[in-house]
């Protein structure tokens, strides 16, 4: 199992920006599939963005053109840059890691709260 530690959550005003970070332990980070999920109160956890070992990215329609996922393999860290945030982006954000895009073995971080409010 990979250990994932998230940081960067907090309170942000609508239209503002926030960057989440997730640092992983273990080996072979560069080939791992990484993703960010979120879960709002009373709702199911949903995929926000993902990035494969090769760098291919995927986004939920609700965050396209506002959020950007990236990775720094030397630092074993994946980022989620959140721009033009909306109140509906309020949720606990979870980092996810799998050995590859085709693997069903998931590792999860503890979650970081993001609250968008004026």
PDB file of N, CA and C in Angstrom:
ATOM      1  N   UNK A   1       0.825  -1.196   0.000  1.00  0.00           N
ATOM      2  CA  UNK A   1       0.000   0.000   0.000  1.00  0.00           C
ATOM      3  C   UNK A   1       0.865   1.254   0.000  1.00  0.00           C
ATOM      4  N   UNK A   2       0.398   2.242  -0.706  1.00  0.00           N
ATOM      5  CA  UNK A   2       1.084   3.525  -0.769  1.00  0.00           C
ATOM      6  C   UNK A   2       0.447   4.461   0.256  1.00  0.00           C
ATOM      7  N   UNK A   3       1.271   5.209   0.956  1.00  0.00           N
ATOM      8  CA  UNK A   3       0.760   6.215   1.890  1.00  0.00           C
ATOM      9  C   UNK A   3       0.663   7.547   1.158  1.00  0.00           C
ATOM     10  N   UNK A   4      -0.489   8.204   1.296  1.00  0.00           N
ATOM     11  CA  UNK A   4      -0.738   9.473   0.617  1.00  0.00           C
ATOM     12  C   UNK A   4      -1.062  10.534   1.652  1.00  0.00           C
ATOM     13  N   UNK A   5      -0.415  11.676   1.544  1.00  0.00           N
ATOM     14  CA  UNK A   5      -0.659  12.776   2.471  1.00  0.00           C
ATOM     15  C   UNK A   5      -1.045  14.018   1.682  1.00  0.00           C
ATOM     16  N   UNK A   6      -2.274  14.486   1.921  1.00  0.00           N
ATOM     17  CA  UNK A   6      -2.769  15.668   1.221  1.00  0.00           C
ATOM     18  C   UNK A   6      -2.548  16.921   2.048  1.00  0.00           C
ATOM     19  N   UNK A   7      -2.479  18.047   1.358  1.00  0.00           N
ATOM     20  CA  UNK A   7      -2.389  19.343   2.022  1.00  0.00           C
ATOM     21  C   UNK A   7      -2.922  20.410   1.086  1.00  0.00           C
ATOM     22  N   UNK A   8      -3.193  21.590   1.638  1.00  0.00           N
ATOM     23  CA  UNK A   8      -3.579  22.725   0.811  1.00  0.00           C
ATOM     24  C   UNK A   8      -5.037  23.110   0.859  1.00  0.00           C
ATOM     25  N   UNK A   9      -5.851  22.349   1.558  1.00  0.00           N
ATOM     26  CA  UNK A   9      -7.257  22.708   1.646  1.00  0.00           C
ATOM     27  C   UNK A   9      -7.474  23.929   2.515  1.00  0.00           C
ATOM     28  N   UNK A  10      -8.714  24.419   2.513  1.00  0.00           N
ATOM     29  CA  UNK A  10      -9.037  25.567   3.335  1.00  0.00           C
ATOM     30  C   UNK A  10     -10.262  26.289   2.831  1.00  0.00           C
ATOM     31  N   UNK A  11     -10.412  27.513   3.299  1.00  0.00           N
ATOM     32  CA  UNK A  11     -11.538  28.368   2.920  1.00  0.00           C
ATOM     33  C   UNK A  11     -11.098  29.319   1.824  1.00  0.00           C
ATOM     34  N   UNK A  12     -11.884  29.396   0.763  1.00  0.00           N
ATOM     35  CA  UNK A  12     -11.571  30.288  -0.354  1.00  0.00           C
ATOM     36  C   UNK A  12     -12.868  30.934  -0.829  1.00  0.00           C
ATOM     37  N   UNK A  13     -12.749  32.155  -1.288  1.00  0.00           N
ATOM     38  CA  UNK A  13     -13.928  32.866  -1.784  1.00  0.00           C
ATOM     39  C   UNK A  13     -14.284  32.423  -3.194  1.00  0.00           C
ATOM     40  N   UNK A  14     -15.540  32.520  -3.559  1.00  0.00           N
ATOM     41  CA  UNK A  14     -15.920  32.209  -4.946  1.00  0.00           C
ATOM     42  C   UNK A  14     -15.095  33.034  -5.927  1.00  0.00           C
ATOM     43  N   UNK A  15     -14.646  32.357  -6.980  1.00  0.00           N
ATOM     44  CA  UNK A  15     -13.803  33.008  -7.968  1.00  0.00           C
ATOM     45  C   UNK A  15     -12.325  32.963  -7.646  1.00  0.00           C
ATOM     46  N   UNK A  16     -11.998  32.497  -6.469  1.00  0.00           N
ATOM     47  CA  UNK A  16     -10.598  32.430  -6.050  1.00  0.00           C
ATOM     48  C   UNK A  16      -9.910  31.165  -6.508  1.00  0.00           C
ATOM     49  N   UNK A  17      -8.677  30.998  -6.012  1.00  0.00           N
ATOM     50  CA  UNK A  17      -7.849  29.850  -6.399  1.00  0.00           C
ATOM     51  C   UNK A  17      -7.296  29.151  -5.172  1.00  0.00           C
ATOM     52  N   UNK A  18      -6.980  27.871  -5.358  1.00  0.00           N
ATOM     53  CA  UNK A  18      -6.418  27.056  -4.292  1.00  0.00           C
ATOM     54  C   UNK A  18      -5.625  25.941  -4.958  1.00  0.00           C
ATOM     55  N   UNK A  19      -4.515  25.522  -4.336  1.00  0.00           N
ATOM     56  CA  UNK A  19      -3.760  24.403  -4.869  1.00  0.00           C
ATOM     57  C   UNK A  19      -3.636  23.312  -3.823  1.00  0.00           C
ATOM     58  N   UNK A  20      -4.082  22.136  -4.176  1.00  0.00           N
ATOM     59  CA  UNK A  20      -3.949  20.962  -3.324  1.00  0.00           C
ATOM     60  C   UNK A  20      -2.709  20.180  -3.726  1.00  0.00           C
ATOM     61  N   UNK A  21      -2.073  19.569  -2.719  1.00  0.00           N
ATOM     62  CA  UNK A  21      -0.900  18.725  -2.965  1.00  0.00           C
ATOM     63  C   UNK A  21      -1.127  17.369  -2.328  1.00  0.00           C
ATOM     64  N   UNK A  22      -0.538  16.363  -2.940  1.00  0.00           N
ATOM     65  CA  UNK A  22      -0.606  15.004  -2.399  1.00  0.00           C
ATOM     66  C   UNK A  22       0.761  14.353  -2.612  1.00  0.00           C
ATOM     67  N   UNK A  23       1.421  14.008  -1.512  1.00  0.00           N
ATOM     68  CA  UNK A  23       2.740  13.393  -1.584  1.00  0.00           C
ATOM     69  C   UNK A  23       2.625  11.925  -1.231  1.00  0.00           C
ATOM     70  N   UNK A  24       3.261  11.097  -2.047  1.00  0.00           N
ATOM     71  CA  UNK A  24       3.166   9.651  -1.892  1.00  0.00           C
ATOM     72  C   UNK A  24       4.462   9.062  -1.357  1.00  0.00           C
ATOM     73  N   UNK A  25       4.320   7.949  -0.650  1.00  0.00           N
ATOM     74  CA  UNK A  25       5.489   7.179  -0.225  1.00  0.00           C
ATOM     75  C   UNK A  25       5.688   6.039  -1.205  1.00  0.00           C
ATOM     76  N   UNK A  26       6.755   5.301  -1.020  1.00  0.00           N
ATOM     77  CA  UNK A  26       6.953   4.101  -1.814  1.00  0.00           C
ATOM     78  C   UNK A  26       7.659   4.344  -3.127  1.00  0.00           C
ATOM     79  N   UNK A  27       7.736   3.267  -3.894  1.00  0.00           N
ATOM     80  CA  UNK A  27       8.498   3.285  -5.137  1.00  0.00           C
ATOM     81  C   UNK A  27       7.592   3.368  -6.357  1.00  0.00           C
ATOM     82  N   UNK A  28       8.234   3.561  -7.504  1.00  0.00           N
ATOM     83  CA  UNK A  28       7.561   3.540  -8.800  1.00  0.00           C
ATOM     84  C   UNK A  28       6.452   4.583  -8.914  1.00  0.00           C
ATOM     85  N   UNK A  29       6.646   5.736  -8.248  1.00  0.00           N
ATOM     86  CA  UNK A  29       5.622   6.776  -8.314  1.00  0.00           C
ATOM     87  C   UNK A  29       5.385   7.215  -9.755  1.00  0.00           C
ATOM     88  N   UNK A  30       6.437   7.257 -10.542  1.00  0.00           N
ATOM     89  CA  UNK A  30       6.329   7.835 -11.886  1.00  0.00           C
ATOM     90  C   UNK A  30       5.384   7.063 -12.797  1.00  0.00           C
ATOM     91  N   UNK A  31       5.136   5.804 -12.489  1.00  0.00           N
ATOM     92  CA  UNK A  31       4.245   5.028 -13.353  1.00  0.00           C
ATOM     93  C   UNK A  31       2.865   4.842 -12.741  1.00  0.00           C
ATOM     94  N   UNK A  32       2.671   5.374 -11.558  1.00  0.00           N
ATOM     95  CA  UNK A  32       1.381   5.202 -10.894  1.00  0.00           C
ATOM     96  C   UNK A  32       0.335   6.144 -11.482  1.00  0.00           C
ATOM     97  N   UNK A  33      -0.883   5.661 -11.541  1.00  0.00           N
ATOM     98  CA  UNK A  33      -2.007   6.513 -11.919  1.00  0.00           C
ATOM     99  C   UNK A  33      -2.468   7.263 -10.676  1.00  0.00           C
ATOM    100  N   UNK A  34      -2.553   8.566 -10.790  1.00  0.00           N
ATOM    101  CA  UNK A  34      -2.930   9.415  -9.657  1.00  0.00           C
ATOM    102  C   UNK A  34      -4.221  10.148  -9.979  1.00  0.00           C
ATOM    103  N   UNK A  35      -4.999  10.434  -8.959  1.00  0.00           N
ATOM    104  CA  UNK A  35      -6.277  11.115  -9.194  1.00  0.00           C
ATOM    105  C   UNK A  35      -6.712  11.886  -7.954  1.00  0.00           C
ATOM    106  N   UNK A  36      -7.592  12.819  -8.192  1.00  0.00           N
ATOM    107  CA  UNK A  36      -8.288  13.530  -7.114  1.00  0.00           C
ATOM    108  C   UNK A  36      -9.770  13.225  -7.215  1.00  0.00           C
ATOM    109  N   UNK A  37     -10.358  12.860  -6.089  1.00  0.00           N
ATOM    110  CA  UNK A  37     -11.789  12.676  -5.949  1.00  0.00           C
ATOM    111  C   UNK A  37     -12.301  13.699  -4.939  1.00  0.00           C
ATOM    112  N   UNK A  38     -13.603  13.865  -4.902  1.00  0.00           N
ATOM    113  CA  UNK A  38     -14.194  14.725  -3.880  1.00  0.00           C
ATOM    114  C   UNK A  38     -15.532  14.153  -3.442  1.00  0.00           C
ATOM    115  N   UNK A  39     -15.898  14.499  -2.214  1.00  0.00           N
ATOM    116  CA  UNK A  39     -17.176  14.052  -1.683  1.00  0.00           C
ATOM    117  C   UNK A  39     -17.801  15.192  -0.890  1.00  0.00           C
ATOM    118  N   UNK A  40     -18.947  15.639  -1.367  1.00  0.00           N
ATOM    119  CA  UNK A  40     -19.701  16.678  -0.688  1.00  0.00           C
ATOM    120  C   UNK A  40     -20.695  16.026   0.266  1.00  0.00           C
ATOM    121  N   UNK A  41     -21.140  16.742   1.291  1.00  0.00           N
ATOM    122  CA  UNK A  41     -22.091  16.161   2.249  1.00  0.00           C
ATOM    123  C   UNK A  41     -23.335  15.623   1.549  1.00  0.00           C
ATOM    124  N   UNK A  42     -23.678  14.385   1.883  1.00  0.00           N
ATOM    125  CA  UNK A  42     -24.871  13.778   1.318  1.00  0.00           C
ATOM    126  C   UNK A  42     -24.732  13.282  -0.103  1.00  0.00           C
ATOM    127  N   UNK A  43     -23.537  13.374  -0.651  1.00  0.00           N
ATOM    128  CA  UNK A  43     -23.319  12.941  -2.038  1.00  0.00           C
ATOM    129  C   UNK A  43     -22.269  11.845  -2.093  1.00  0.00           C
ATOM    130  N   UNK A  44     -22.253  11.144  -3.216  1.00  0.00           N
ATOM    131  CA  UNK A  44     -21.269  10.097  -3.412  1.00  0.00           C
ATOM    132  C   UNK A  44     -19.927  10.708  -3.813  1.00  0.00           C
ATOM    133  N   UNK A  45     -18.874   9.954  -3.541  1.00  0.00           N
ATOM    134  CA  UNK A  45     -17.548  10.392  -3.965  1.00  0.00           C
ATOM    135  C   UNK A  45     -17.480  10.378  -5.492  1.00  0.00           C
ATOM    136  N   UNK A  46     -16.893  11.423  -6.060  1.00  0.00           N
ATOM    137  CA  UNK A  46     -16.813  11.517  -7.514  1.00  0.00           C
ATOM    138  C   UNK A  46     -15.400  11.858  -7.963  1.00  0.00           C
ATOM    139  N   UNK A  47     -15.063  11.389  -9.156  1.00  0.00           N
ATOM    140  CA  UNK A  47     -13.765  11.690  -9.738  1.00  0.00           C
ATOM    141  C   UNK A  47     -13.727  13.142 -10.199  1.00  0.00           C
ATOM    142  N   UNK A  48     -12.680  13.846  -9.826  1.00  0.00           N
ATOM    143  CA  UNK A  48     -12.479  15.224 -10.243  1.00  0.00           C
ATOM    144  C   UNK A  48     -11.505  15.297 -11.413  1.00  0.00           C
ATOM    145  N   UNK A  49     -10.356  14.662 -11.247  1.00  0.00           N
ATOM    146  CA  UNK A  49      -9.329  14.694 -12.283  1.00  0.00           C
ATOM    147  C   UNK A  49      -8.367  13.534 -12.062  1.00  0.00           C
ATOM    148  N   UNK A  50      -7.762  13.066 -13.150  1.00  0.00           N
ATOM    149  CA  UNK A  50      -6.797  11.985 -13.057  1.00  0.00           C
ATOM    150  C   UNK A  50      -5.627  12.260 -13.994  1.00  0.00           C
ATOM    151  N   UNK A  51      -4.489  11.655 -13.660  1.00  0.00           N
ATOM    152  CA  UNK A  51      -3.309  11.780 -14.503  1.00  0.00           C
ATOM    153  C   UNK A  51      -2.574  10.446 -14.491  1.00  0.00           C
ATOM    154  N   UNK A  52      -2.327   9.934 -15.681  1.00  0.00           N
ATOM    155  CA  UNK A  52      -1.643   8.656 -15.815  1.00  0.00           C
ATOM    156  C   UNK A  52      -0.135   8.847 -15.681  1.00  0.00           C
ATOM    157  N   UNK A  53       0.566   7.714 -15.576  1.00  0.00           N
ATOM    158  CA  UNK A  53       2.011   7.800 -15.473  1.00  0.00           C
ATOM    159  C   UNK A  53       2.642   8.520 -16.650  1.00  0.00           C
ATOM    160  N   UNK A  54       2.046   8.361 -17.821  1.00  0.00           N
ATOM    161  CA  UNK A  54       2.562   9.008 -19.016  1.00  0.00           C
ATOM    162  C   UNK A  54       2.154  10.460 -19.159  1.00  0.00           C
ATOM    163  N   UNK A  55       1.281  10.926 -18.261  1.00  0.00           N
ATOM    164  CA  UNK A  55       0.882  12.326 -18.263  1.00  0.00           C
ATOM    165  C   UNK A  55      -0.491  12.616 -18.830  1.00  0.00           C
ATOM    166  N   UNK A  56      -1.157  11.602 -19.358  1.00  0.00           N
ATOM    167  CA  UNK A  56      -2.496  11.824 -19.897  1.00  0.00           C
ATOM    168  C   UNK A  56      -3.446  12.217 -18.769  1.00  0.00           C
ATOM    169  N   UNK A  57      -4.217  13.266 -18.997  1.00  0.00           N
ATOM    170  CA  UNK A  57      -5.128  13.774 -17.977  1.00  0.00           C
ATOM    171  C   UNK A  57      -6.586  13.593 -18.385  1.00  0.00           C
ATOM    172  N   UNK A  58      -7.435  13.580 -17.360  1.00  0.00           N
ATOM    173  CA  UNK A  58      -8.870  13.451 -17.579  1.00  0.00           C
ATOM    174  C   UNK A  58      -9.564  14.279 -16.508  1.00  0.00           C
ATOM    175  N   UNK A  59     -10.662  14.956 -16.898  1.00  0.00           N
ATOM    176  CA  UNK A  59     -11.359  15.832 -15.975  1.00  0.00           C
ATOM    177  C   UNK A  59     -12.864  15.590 -15.996  1.00  0.00           C
ATOM    178  N   UNK A  60     -13.488  15.792 -14.851  1.00  0.00           N
ATOM    179  CA  UNK A  60     -14.940  15.828 -14.797  1.00  0.00           C
ATOM    180  C   UNK A  60     -15.410  17.069 -15.552  1.00  0.00           C
ATOM    181  N   UNK A  61     -16.550  16.948 -16.196  1.00  0.00           N
ATOM    182  CA  UNK A  61     -17.072  18.083 -16.977  1.00  0.00           C
ATOM    183  C   UNK A  61     -17.246  19.325 -16.109  1.00  0.00           C
ATOM    184  N   UNK A  62     -17.584  19.119 -14.846  1.00  0.00           N
ATOM    185  CA  UNK A  62     -17.882  20.251 -13.967  1.00  0.00           C
ATOM    186  C   UNK A  62     -16.649  21.088 -13.628  1.00  0.00           C
ATOM    187  N   UNK A  63     -15.445  20.549 -13.868  1.00  0.00           N
ATOM    188  CA  UNK A  63     -14.238  21.299 -13.500  1.00  0.00           C
ATOM    189  C   UNK A  63     -13.347  21.594 -14.697  1.00  0.00           C
ATOM    190  N   UNK A  64     -13.726  21.110 -15.867  1.00  0.00           N
ATOM    191  CA  UNK A  64     -12.921  21.380 -17.067  1.00  0.00           C
ATOM    192  C   UNK A  64     -12.745  22.877 -17.254  1.00  0.00           C
ATOM    193  N   UNK A  65     -11.567  23.270 -17.671  1.00  0.00           N
ATOM    194  CA  UNK A  65     -11.209  24.674 -17.928  1.00  0.00           C
ATOM    195  C   UNK A  65     -11.074  25.499 -16.656  1.00  0.00           C
ATOM    196  N   UNK A  66     -11.274  24.878 -15.477  1.00  0.00           N
ATOM    197  CA  UNK A  66     -11.071  25.579 -14.207  1.00  0.00           C
ATOM    198  C   UNK A  66      -9.985  24.929 -13.353  1.00  0.00           C
ATOM    199  N   UNK A  67      -9.927  23.615 -13.372  1.00  0.00           N
ATOM    200  CA  UNK A  67      -8.967  22.876 -12.548  1.00  0.00           C
ATOM    201  C   UNK A  67      -7.893  22.276 -13.445  1.00  0.00           C
ATOM    202  N   UNK A  68      -6.709  22.079 -12.870  1.00  0.00           N
ATOM    203  CA  UNK A  68      -5.618  21.436 -13.603  1.00  0.00           C
ATOM    204  C   UNK A  68      -4.877  20.484 -12.680  1.00  0.00           C
ATOM    205  N   UNK A  69      -4.712  19.245 -13.137  1.00  0.00           N
ATOM    206  CA  UNK A  69      -3.951  18.250 -12.380  1.00  0.00           C
ATOM    207  C   UNK A  69      -2.559  18.138 -12.997  1.00  0.00           C
ATOM    208  N   UNK A  70      -1.558  18.001 -12.144  1.00  0.00           N
ATOM    209  CA  UNK A  70      -0.187  17.851 -12.628  1.00  0.00           C
ATOM    210  C   UNK A  70       0.581  16.991 -11.639  1.00  0.00           C
ATOM    211  N   UNK A  71       1.766  16.562 -12.035  1.00  0.00           N
ATOM    212  CA  UNK A  71       2.563  15.712 -11.155  1.00  0.00           C
ATOM    213  C   UNK A  71       4.028  16.089 -11.274  1.00  0.00           C
ATOM    214  N   UNK A  72       4.739  15.923 -10.168  1.00  0.00           N
ATOM    215  CA  UNK A  72       6.191  16.101 -10.114  1.00  0.00           C
ATOM    216  C   UNK A  72       6.755  14.778  -9.625  1.00  0.00           C
ATOM    217  N   UNK A  73       7.250  13.974 -10.548  1.00  0.00           N
ATOM    218  CA  UNK A  73       7.691  12.633 -10.181  1.00  0.00           C
ATOM    219  C   UNK A  73       8.918  12.656  -9.260  1.00  0.00           C
ATOM    220  N   UNK A  74       9.755  13.653  -9.404  1.00  0.00           N
ATOM    221  CA  UNK A  74      10.929  13.746  -8.539  1.00  0.00           C
ATOM    222  C   UNK A  74      10.530  13.976  -7.078  1.00  0.00           C
ATOM    223  N   UNK A  75       9.426  14.672  -6.879  1.00  0.00           N
ATOM    224  CA  UNK A  75       8.933  14.947  -5.527  1.00  0.00           C
ATOM    225  C   UNK A  75       7.845  13.969  -5.090  1.00  0.00           C
ATOM    226  N   UNK A  76       7.488  13.029  -5.997  1.00  0.00           N
ATOM    227  CA  UNK A  76       6.424  12.064  -5.698  1.00  0.00           C
ATOM    228  C   UNK A  76       5.150  12.788  -5.268  1.00  0.00           C
ATOM    229  N   UNK A  77       4.822  13.824  -5.975  1.00  0.00           N
ATOM    230  CA  UNK A  77       3.708  14.679  -5.597  1.00  0.00           C
ATOM    231  C   UNK A  77       2.801  14.939  -6.793  1.00  0.00           C
ATOM    232  N   UNK A  78       1.503  14.924  -6.530  1.00  0.00           N
ATOM    233  CA  UNK A  78       0.510  15.307  -7.522  1.00  0.00           C
ATOM    234  C   UNK A  78      -0.214  16.538  -6.994  1.00  0.00           C
ATOM    235  N   UNK A  79      -0.562  17.430  -7.902  1.00  0.00           N
ATOM    236  CA  UNK A  79      -1.198  18.689  -7.540  1.00  0.00           C
ATOM    237  C   UNK A  79      -2.561  18.820  -8.204  1.00  0.00           C
ATOM    238  N   UNK A  80      -3.411  19.596  -7.570  1.00  0.00           N
ATOM    239  CA  UNK A  80      -4.665  19.997  -8.186  1.00  0.00           C
ATOM    240  C   UNK A  80      -4.779  21.504  -8.039  1.00  0.00           C
ATOM    241  N   UNK A  81      -4.589  22.209  -9.143  1.00  0.00           N
ATOM    242  CA  UNK A  81      -4.753  23.656  -9.158  1.00  0.00           C
ATOM    243  C   UNK A  81      -6.216  23.953  -9.426  1.00  0.00           C
ATOM    244  N   UNK A  82      -6.840  24.649  -8.481  1.00  0.00           N
ATOM    245  CA  UNK A  82      -8.263  24.952  -8.568  1.00  0.00           C
ATOM    246  C   UNK A  82      -8.419  26.453  -8.798  1.00  0.00           C
ATOM    247  N   UNK A  83      -8.950  26.829  -9.933  1.00  0.00           N
ATOM    248  CA  UNK A  83      -9.178  28.232 -10.264  1.00  0.00           C
ATOM    249  C   UNK A  83     -10.660  28.491 -10.450  1.00  0.00           C
ATOM    250  N   UNK A  84     -11.048  29.749 -10.309  1.00  0.00           N
ATOM    251  CA  UNK A  84     -12.457  30.156 -10.495  1.00  0.00           C
ATOM    252  C   UNK A  84     -13.384  29.230  -9.728  1.00  0.00           C
ATOM    253  N   UNK A  85     -13.071  28.994  -8.475  1.00  0.00           N
ATOM    254  CA  UNK A  85     -13.850  28.038  -7.682  1.00  0.00           C
ATOM    255  C   UNK A  85     -15.259  28.560  -7.446  1.00  0.00           C
ATOM    256  N   UNK A  86     -16.162  27.598  -7.257  1.00  0.00           N
ATOM    257  CA  UNK A  86     -17.572  27.890  -7.048  1.00  0.00           C
ATOM    258  C   UNK A  86     -18.025  27.263  -5.734  1.00  0.00           C
ATOM    259  N   UNK A  87     -19.112  27.738  -5.153  1.00  0.00           N
ATOM    260  CA  UNK A  87     -19.604  27.120  -3.912  1.00  0.00           C
ATOM    261  C   UNK A  87     -19.847  25.620  -4.063  1.00  0.00           C
ATOM    262  N   UNK A  88     -20.241  25.186  -5.247  1.00  0.00           N
ATOM    263  CA  UNK A  88     -20.486  23.755  -5.457  1.00  0.00           C
ATOM    264  C   UNK A  88     -19.209  22.929  -5.503  1.00  0.00           C
ATOM    265  N   UNK A  89     -18.050  23.566  -5.460  1.00  0.00           N
ATOM    266  CA  UNK A  89     -16.786  22.839  -5.356  1.00  0.00           C
ATOM    267  C   UNK A  89     -16.482  22.462  -3.901  1.00  0.00           C
ATOM    268  N   UNK A  90     -17.285  22.940  -2.973  1.00  0.00           N
ATOM    269  CA  UNK A  90     -17.088  22.623  -1.560  1.00  0.00           C
ATOM    270  C   UNK A  90     -17.227  21.113  -1.334  1.00  0.00           C
ATOM    271  N   UNK A  91     -16.204  20.519  -0.744  1.00  0.00           N
ATOM    272  CA  UNK A  91     -16.191  19.073  -0.525  1.00  0.00           C
ATOM    273  C   UNK A  91     -14.906  18.694   0.202  1.00  0.00           C
ATOM    274  N   UNK A  92     -14.855  17.447   0.628  1.00  0.00           N
ATOM    275  CA  UNK A  92     -13.583  16.873   1.068  1.00  0.00           C
ATOM    276  C   UNK A  92     -12.919  16.271  -0.171  1.00  0.00           C
ATOM    277  N   UNK A  93     -11.693  16.663  -0.412  1.00  0.00           N
ATOM    278  CA  UNK A  93     -10.945  16.200  -1.571  1.00  0.00           C
ATOM    279  C   UNK A  93      -9.971  15.100  -1.163  1.00  0.00           C
ATOM    280  N   UNK A  94     -10.015  13.998  -1.904  1.00  0.00           N
ATOM    281  CA  UNK A  94      -9.190  12.834  -1.591  1.00  0.00           C
ATOM    282  C   UNK A  94      -8.209  12.554  -2.721  1.00  0.00           C
ATOM    283  N   UNK A  95      -7.003  12.258  -2.358  1.00  0.00           N
ATOM    284  CA  UNK A  95      -5.998  11.812  -3.314  1.00  0.00           C
ATOM    285  C   UNK A  95      -6.111  10.295  -3.472  1.00  0.00           C
ATOM    286  N   UNK A  96      -5.947   9.834  -4.690  1.00  0.00           N
ATOM    287  CA  UNK A  96      -6.060   8.405  -4.998  1.00  0.00           C
ATOM    288  C   UNK A  96      -4.862   7.976  -5.829  1.00  0.00           C
ATOM    289  N   UNK A  97      -4.397   6.757  -5.571  1.00  0.00           N
ATOM    290  CA  UNK A  97      -3.276   6.230  -6.332  1.00  0.00           C
ATOM    291  C   UNK A  97      -3.512   4.764  -6.678  1.00  0.00           C
ATOM    292  N   UNK A  98      -3.175   4.392  -7.891  1.00  0.00           N
ATOM    293  CA  UNK A  98      -3.234   3.009  -8.339  1.00  0.00           C
ATOM    294  C   UNK A  98      -1.928   2.656  -9.040  1.00  0.00           C
ATOM    295  N   UNK A  99      -1.521   1.389  -9.012  1.00  0.00           N
ATOM    296  CA  UNK A  99      -0.259   1.013  -9.663  1.00  0.00           C
ATOM    297  C   UNK A  99      -0.229   1.368 -11.153  1.00  0.00           C
ATOM    298  N   UNK A 100      -1.402   1.328 -11.803  1.00  0.00           N
ATOM    299  CA  UNK A 100      -1.491   1.698 -13.213  1.00  0.00           C
ATOM    300  C   UNK A 100      -2.940   2.065 -13.495  1.00  0.00           C
ATOM    301  N   UNK A 101      -3.213   2.567 -14.663  1.00  0.00           N
ATOM    302  CA  UNK A 101      -4.583   2.978 -15.003  1.00  0.00           C
ATOM    303  C   UNK A 101      -5.532   1.790 -15.071  1.00  0.00           C
ATOM    304  N   UNK A 102      -4.983   0.593 -15.260  1.00  0.00           N
ATOM    305  CA  UNK A 102      -5.829  -0.603 -15.383  1.00  0.00           C
ATOM    306  C   UNK A 102      -5.960  -1.379 -14.073  1.00  0.00           C
ATOM    307  N   UNK A 103      -5.329  -0.871 -13.023  1.00  0.00           N
ATOM    308  CA  UNK A 103      -5.351  -1.587 -11.752  1.00  0.00           C
ATOM    309  C   UNK A 103      -6.567  -1.210 -10.931  1.00  0.00           C
ATOM    310  N   UNK A 104      -7.064  -2.176 -10.165  1.00  0.00           N
ATOM    311  CA  UNK A 104      -8.192  -1.935  -9.265  1.00  0.00           C
ATOM    312  C   UNK A 104      -7.731  -1.813  -7.816  1.00  0.00           C
ATOM    313  N   UNK A 105      -6.420  -1.761  -7.604  1.00  0.00           N
ATOM    314  CA  UNK A 105      -5.865  -1.625  -6.263  1.00  0.00           C
ATOM    315  C   UNK A 105      -5.733  -0.146  -5.948  1.00  0.00           C
ATOM    316  N   UNK A 106      -6.572   0.330  -5.021  1.00  0.00           N
ATOM    317  CA  UNK A 106      -6.613   1.748  -4.704  1.00  0.00           C
ATOM    318  C   UNK A 106      -5.959   2.055  -3.361  1.00  0.00           C
ATOM    319  N   UNK A 107      -5.253   3.169  -3.330  1.00  0.00           N
ATOM    320  CA  UNK A 107      -4.779   3.743  -2.079  1.00  0.00           C
ATOM    321  C   UNK A 107      -5.390   5.135  -1.965  1.00  0.00           C
ATOM    322  N   UNK A 108      -5.769   5.512  -0.728  1.00  0.00           N
ATOM    323  CA  UNK A 108      -6.438   6.793  -0.516  1.00  0.00           C
ATOM    324  C   UNK A 108      -5.733   7.613   0.541  1.00  0.00           C
ATOM    325  N   UNK A 109      -5.776   8.907   0.371  1.00  0.00           N
ATOM    326  CA  UNK A 109      -5.324   9.810   1.407  1.00  0.00           C
ATOM    327  C   UNK A 109      -6.433  10.030   2.425  1.00  0.00           C
ATOM    328  N   UNK A 110      -6.119  10.830   3.441  1.00  0.00           N
ATOM    329  CA  UNK A 110      -7.086  11.052   4.525  1.00  0.00           C
ATOM    330  C   UNK A 110      -8.120  12.109   4.173  1.00  0.00           C
ATOM    331  N   UNK A 111      -7.875  12.867   3.109  1.00  0.00           N
ATOM    332  CA  UNK A 111      -8.826  13.892   2.695  1.00  0.00           C
ATOM    333  C   UNK A 111      -8.470  15.267   3.227  1.00  0.00           C
ATOM    334  N   UNK A 112      -8.799  16.281   2.449  1.00  0.00           N
ATOM    335  CA  UNK A 112      -8.594  17.666   2.881  1.00  0.00           C
ATOM    336  C   UNK A 112      -9.831  18.469   2.514  1.00  0.00           C
ATOM    337  N   UNK A 113     -10.303  19.257   3.457  1.00  0.00           N
ATOM    338  CA  UNK A 113     -11.545  20.007   3.275  1.00  0.00           C
ATOM    339  C   UNK A 113     -11.302  21.265   2.457  1.00  0.00           C
ATOM    340  N   UNK A 114     -12.146  21.458   1.447  1.00  0.00           N
ATOM    341  CA  UNK A 114     -12.160  22.694   0.674  1.00  0.00           C
ATOM    342  C   UNK A 114     -13.549  23.310   0.815  1.00  0.00           C
ATOM    343  N   UNK A 115     -13.583  24.542   1.284  1.00  0.00           N
ATOM    344  CA  UNK A 115     -14.841  25.246   1.456  1.00  0.00           C
ATOM    345  C   UNK A 115     -14.804  26.536   0.646  1.00  0.00           C
ATOM    346  N   UNK A 116     -15.779  26.677  -0.244  1.00  0.00           N
ATOM    347  CA  UNK A 116     -15.869  27.873  -1.073  1.00  0.00           C
ATOM    348  C   UNK A 116     -17.054  28.695  -0.575  1.00  0.00           C
ATOM    349  N   UNK A 117     -16.743  29.841   0.008  1.00  0.00           N
ATOM    350  CA  UNK A 117     -17.787  30.662   0.604  1.00  0.00           C
ATOM    351  C   UNK A 117     -17.296  32.085   0.756  1.00  0.00           C
ATOM    352  N   UNK A 118     -18.227  33.020   0.655  1.00  0.00           N
ATOM    353  CA  UNK A 118     -17.886  34.421   0.876  1.00  0.00           C
ATOM    354  C   UNK A 118     -18.163  34.815   2.317  1.00  0.00           C
TER     355      UNK A 118
END
